[in-house]
Amino acid sequence: MYISIDGDAVGFDWDQANTEHIASHRATPEEVEQVFANDEVGID
C-alpha cells in the first residue's frame, strides 16, 4: 500500500501483498480507506 498526501487529500495505491494481508483480517481496501478518511463505518 502506498499512501500519498496532498494537502487534505489522501490517495492509496494497493498492491497485491497488502490487499491479501488486510483480507486475512477480513477487511477490504475500502474499509481501510474509510478509517484513514475518518468516515463512519457501519457494523453489521
Protein backbone atom coordinates (compact mmCIF):
# COMPACT_ATOMS: atom_id res chain seq x y z
CA MET A 1 0.00 0.00 0.00
CA TYR A 2 1.30 3.42 -0.87
CA ILE A 3 -0.25 6.49 0.74
CA SER A 4 0.24 9.89 -0.83
CA ILE A 5 -0.89 13.00 0.98
CA ASP A 6 -1.53 16.24 -0.90
CA GLY A 7 -3.00 18.83 1.43
CA ASP A 8 -6.15 17.23 2.79
CA ALA A 9 -6.41 14.62 0.02
CA VAL A 10 -5.12 11.13 0.69
CA GLY A 11 -4.62 8.60 -2.09
CA PHE A 12 -3.97 4.86 -1.90
CA ASP A 13 -2.21 2.53 -4.29
CA TRP A 14 -2.93 -1.03 -3.17
CA ASP A 15 -0.56 -3.81 -4.19
CA GLN A 16 -1.46 -7.49 -4.12
CA ALA A 17 0.55 -8.28 -0.97
CA ASN A 18 -1.16 -5.60 1.10
CA THR A 19 -4.60 -6.44 -0.27
CA GLU A 20 -4.05 -10.07 0.72
CA HIS A 21 -2.72 -9.03 4.14
CA ILE A 22 -5.75 -6.95 5.06
CA ALA A 23 -8.03 -9.67 3.67
CA SER A 24 -6.52 -12.01 6.27
CA HIS A 25 -8.03 -9.62 8.83
CA ARG A 26 -11.37 -9.78 6.98
CA ALA A 27 -11.03 -6.16 5.84
CA THR A 28 -11.26 -4.60 2.40
CA PRO A 29 -9.21 -1.75 0.95
CA GLU A 30 -12.36 0.39 1.05
CA GLU A 31 -12.78 -0.22 4.78
CA VAL A 32 -9.15 0.69 5.47
CA GLU A 33 -9.52 3.87 3.42
CA GLN A 34 -12.62 4.80 5.46
CA VAL A 35 -10.52 4.62 8.63
CA PHE A 36 -7.90 6.97 7.19
CA ALA A 37 -10.63 9.31 5.93
CA ASN A 38 -12.24 9.21 9.38
CA ASP A 39 -15.56 8.25 7.81
CA GLU A 40 -18.11 6.43 9.94
CA VAL A 41 -18.27 2.71 9.29
CA GLY A 42 -21.47 0.79 9.90
CA ILE A 43 -21.09 -2.53 11.69
CA ASP A 44 -23.43 -5.32 10.69
